[in-house]
Amino acid sequence: MNWDRWTAQAWEVRERAYAPYSGFAVGAVVVADDERSFVGCNVENLSYSLTQCAERVALGAAVAAGVRKLVAVVVVADTREPISPCGACRQVLAEFGDPEVLLVGREGFERFRLGELLPRASTGILDRS
């Protein structure tokens, strides 16, 4: 796992976030099972419910490139403590496996499996025959 490279990518893409309303920029990287990485930043909208989180922007790029399995996710923000993906992002990411998740802030990081952040994700329908 190349955590340093992916974290650097997340900090870099964070600088391109479109956050004119909150002023809160987030960067994310999702990593496919073949170790290709895809970046995303948050994209706010005046109609706040239409805002796109950095994690889902990165995931959209990965899916557009044909990815169907994730092994890692990195989320960075300029906060003292690391921030965590929202519930919607957790559910959307769960569709693509149980990746390791690295959350990074100014004063440290935390690492989890997605399943620890979202126990019992709604993925059961994916197992039907």
Protein backbone atom coordinates (compact mmCIF):
# COMPACT_ATOMS: atom_id res chain seq x y z
CA MET A 1 0.00 0.00 0.00
CA ASN A 2 1.39 3.36 -1.04
CA TRP A 3 -0.25 5.51 1.64
CA ASP A 4 2.24 8.39 1.33
CA ARG A 5 1.66 8.79 -2.42
CA TRP A 6 -2.12 8.56 -2.10
CA THR A 7 -2.17 11.01 0.80
CA ALA A 8 -0.10 13.49 -1.22
CA GLN A 9 -2.53 13.11 -4.12
CA ALA A 10 -5.47 13.78 -1.80
CA TRP A 11 -3.86 16.95 -0.37
CA GLU A 12 -3.09 18.14 -3.92
CA VAL A 13 -6.62 17.62 -5.25
CA ARG A 14 -8.07 19.21 -2.11
CA GLU A 15 -6.62 22.51 -3.35
CA ARG A 16 -8.99 22.33 -6.35
CA ALA A 17 -12.15 21.87 -4.30
CA TYR A 18 -15.08 24.11 -5.18
CA ALA A 19 -16.29 25.21 -1.74
CA PRO A 20 -17.49 28.84 -2.02
CA TYR A 21 -20.27 28.41 0.57
CA SER A 22 -18.65 26.48 3.41
CA GLY A 23 -15.02 27.26 2.67
CA PHE A 24 -14.34 23.65 3.72
CA ALA A 25 -12.20 21.82 1.16
CA VAL A 26 -11.83 18.04 1.19
CA GLY A 27 -9.62 15.80 -0.95
CA ALA A 28 -9.99 12.08 -1.51
CA VAL A 29 -8.34 9.22 -3.33
CA VAL A 30 -9.85 5.83 -4.03
CA VAL A 31 -7.59 2.96 -5.01
CA ALA A 32 -8.62 0.06 -7.23
CA ASP A 33 -7.59 -3.54 -6.71
CA ASP A 34 -4.99 -3.07 -9.49
CA GLU A 35 -3.59 -0.09 -7.46
CA ARG A 36 -4.73 2.59 -9.91
CA SER A 37 -5.69 5.67 -7.93
CA PHE A 38 -8.44 8.19 -8.67
CA VAL A 39 -8.76 11.62 -7.06
CA GLY A 40 -11.75 13.73 -6.12
CA CYS A 41 -12.54 16.94 -4.28
CA ASN A 42 -15.81 18.28 -2.95
CA VAL A 43 -17.99 20.30 -5.33
CA GLU A 44 -20.50 22.52 -3.55
CA ASN A 45 -23.70 23.91 -4.97
CA LEU A 46 -25.94 26.77 -3.90
CA SER A 47 -28.64 24.14 -3.46
CA TYR A 48 -26.60 22.47 -0.73
CA SER A 49 -28.19 19.02 -1.06
CA LEU A 50 -26.68 18.82 -4.56
CA THR A 51 -23.14 19.13 -3.19
CA GLN A 52 -20.86 16.25 -4.16
CA CYS A 53 -18.51 14.86 -1.55
CA ALA A 54 -14.85 14.30 -2.47
CA GLU A 55 -15.15 10.56 -1.91
CA ARG A 56 -18.01 10.16 -4.39
CA VAL A 57 -16.29 12.38 -6.98
CA ALA A 58 -13.20 10.13 -6.78
CA LEU A 59 -15.36 7.01 -6.94
CA GLY A 60 -17.17 8.33 -10.01
CA ALA A 61 -13.83 8.74 -11.79
CA ALA A 62 -12.86 5.20 -10.82
CA VAL A 63 -16.12 3.69 -12.02
CA ALA A 64 -15.85 5.61 -15.30
CA ALA A 65 -12.45 3.93 -15.76
CA GLY A 66 -13.98 0.48 -15.21
CA VAL A 67 -13.15 -0.09 -11.53
CA ARG A 68 -15.44 -2.44 -9.62
CA LYS A 69 -13.34 -3.20 -6.50
CA LEU A 70 -11.64 -0.79 -4.09
CA VAL A 71 -8.76 -1.65 -1.76
CA ALA A 72 -8.09 1.77 -0.21
CA VAL A 73 -9.60 5.20 0.37
CA VAL A 74 -7.81 8.31 1.65
CA VAL A 75 -9.70 11.41 2.88
CA VAL A 76 -7.91 14.61 3.91
CA ALA A 77 -9.06 17.93 5.34
CA ASP A 78 -7.39 20.90 6.98
CA THR A 79 -8.75 20.06 10.41
CA ARG A 80 -6.96 19.24 13.65
CA GLU A 81 -8.64 15.84 13.91
CA PRO A 82 -9.27 13.73 10.79
CA ILE A 83 -12.76 13.96 9.32
CA SER A 84 -14.74 10.88 8.39
CA PRO A 85 -16.83 10.13 5.29
CA CYS A 86 -20.51 10.95 5.67
CA GLY A 87 -23.01 8.10 5.87
CA ALA A 88 -23.98 8.44 2.21
CA CYS A 89 -20.35 8.14 1.11
CA ARG A 90 -19.83 5.13 3.37
CA GLN A 91 -22.79 3.35 1.79
CA VAL A 92 -21.73 4.20 -1.77
CA LEU A 93 -18.14 3.06 -1.12
CA ALA A 94 -19.43 -0.20 0.43
CA GLU A 95 -20.83 -1.15 -2.97
CA PHE A 96 -17.21 -1.64 -4.09
CA GLY A 97 -15.80 -3.76 -1.26
CA ASP A 98 -14.40 -3.27 2.23
CA PRO A 99 -11.36 -1.07 1.54
CA GLU A 100 -8.94 0.23 4.12
CA VAL A 101 -9.75 3.88 4.87
CA LEU A 102 -7.09 6.40 5.91
CA LEU A 103 -8.42 9.65 7.41
CA VAL A 104 -5.88 12.48 7.66
CA GLY A 105 -5.95 15.82 9.47
CA ARG A 106 -3.26 18.34 10.43
CA GLU A 107 -2.31 16.57 13.64
CA GLY A 108 -2.60 12.94 12.77
CA PHE A 109 -4.43 10.16 11.05
CA GLU A 110 -6.66 7.18 11.72
CA ARG A 111 -7.02 4.00 9.70
CA PHE A 112 -10.01 1.65 9.58
CA ARG A 113 -11.68 -0.85 7.35
CA LEU A 114 -14.81 0.59 5.77
CA GLY A 115 -16.80 -2.15 7.49
CA GLU A 116 -15.78 -0.67 10.85
CA LEU A 117 -17.14 2.73 9.80
CA LEU A 118 -20.32 1.22 8.34
CA PRO A 119 -21.16 -2.09 9.97
CA ARG A 120 -23.84 -4.12 8.20
CA ALA A 121 -23.82 -2.03 5.02
CA SER A 122 -26.85 -2.50 2.79
CA THR A 123 -25.16 -4.77 0.28
CA GLY A 124 -27.16 -7.97 0.74
CA ILE A 125 -29.07 -7.58 -2.51
CA LEU A 126 -25.72 -7.82 -4.33
CA ASP A 127 -25.41 -11.44 -3.17
CA ARG A 128 -28.58 -12.71 -4.84
CA SER A 129 -28.29 -15.41 -7.48
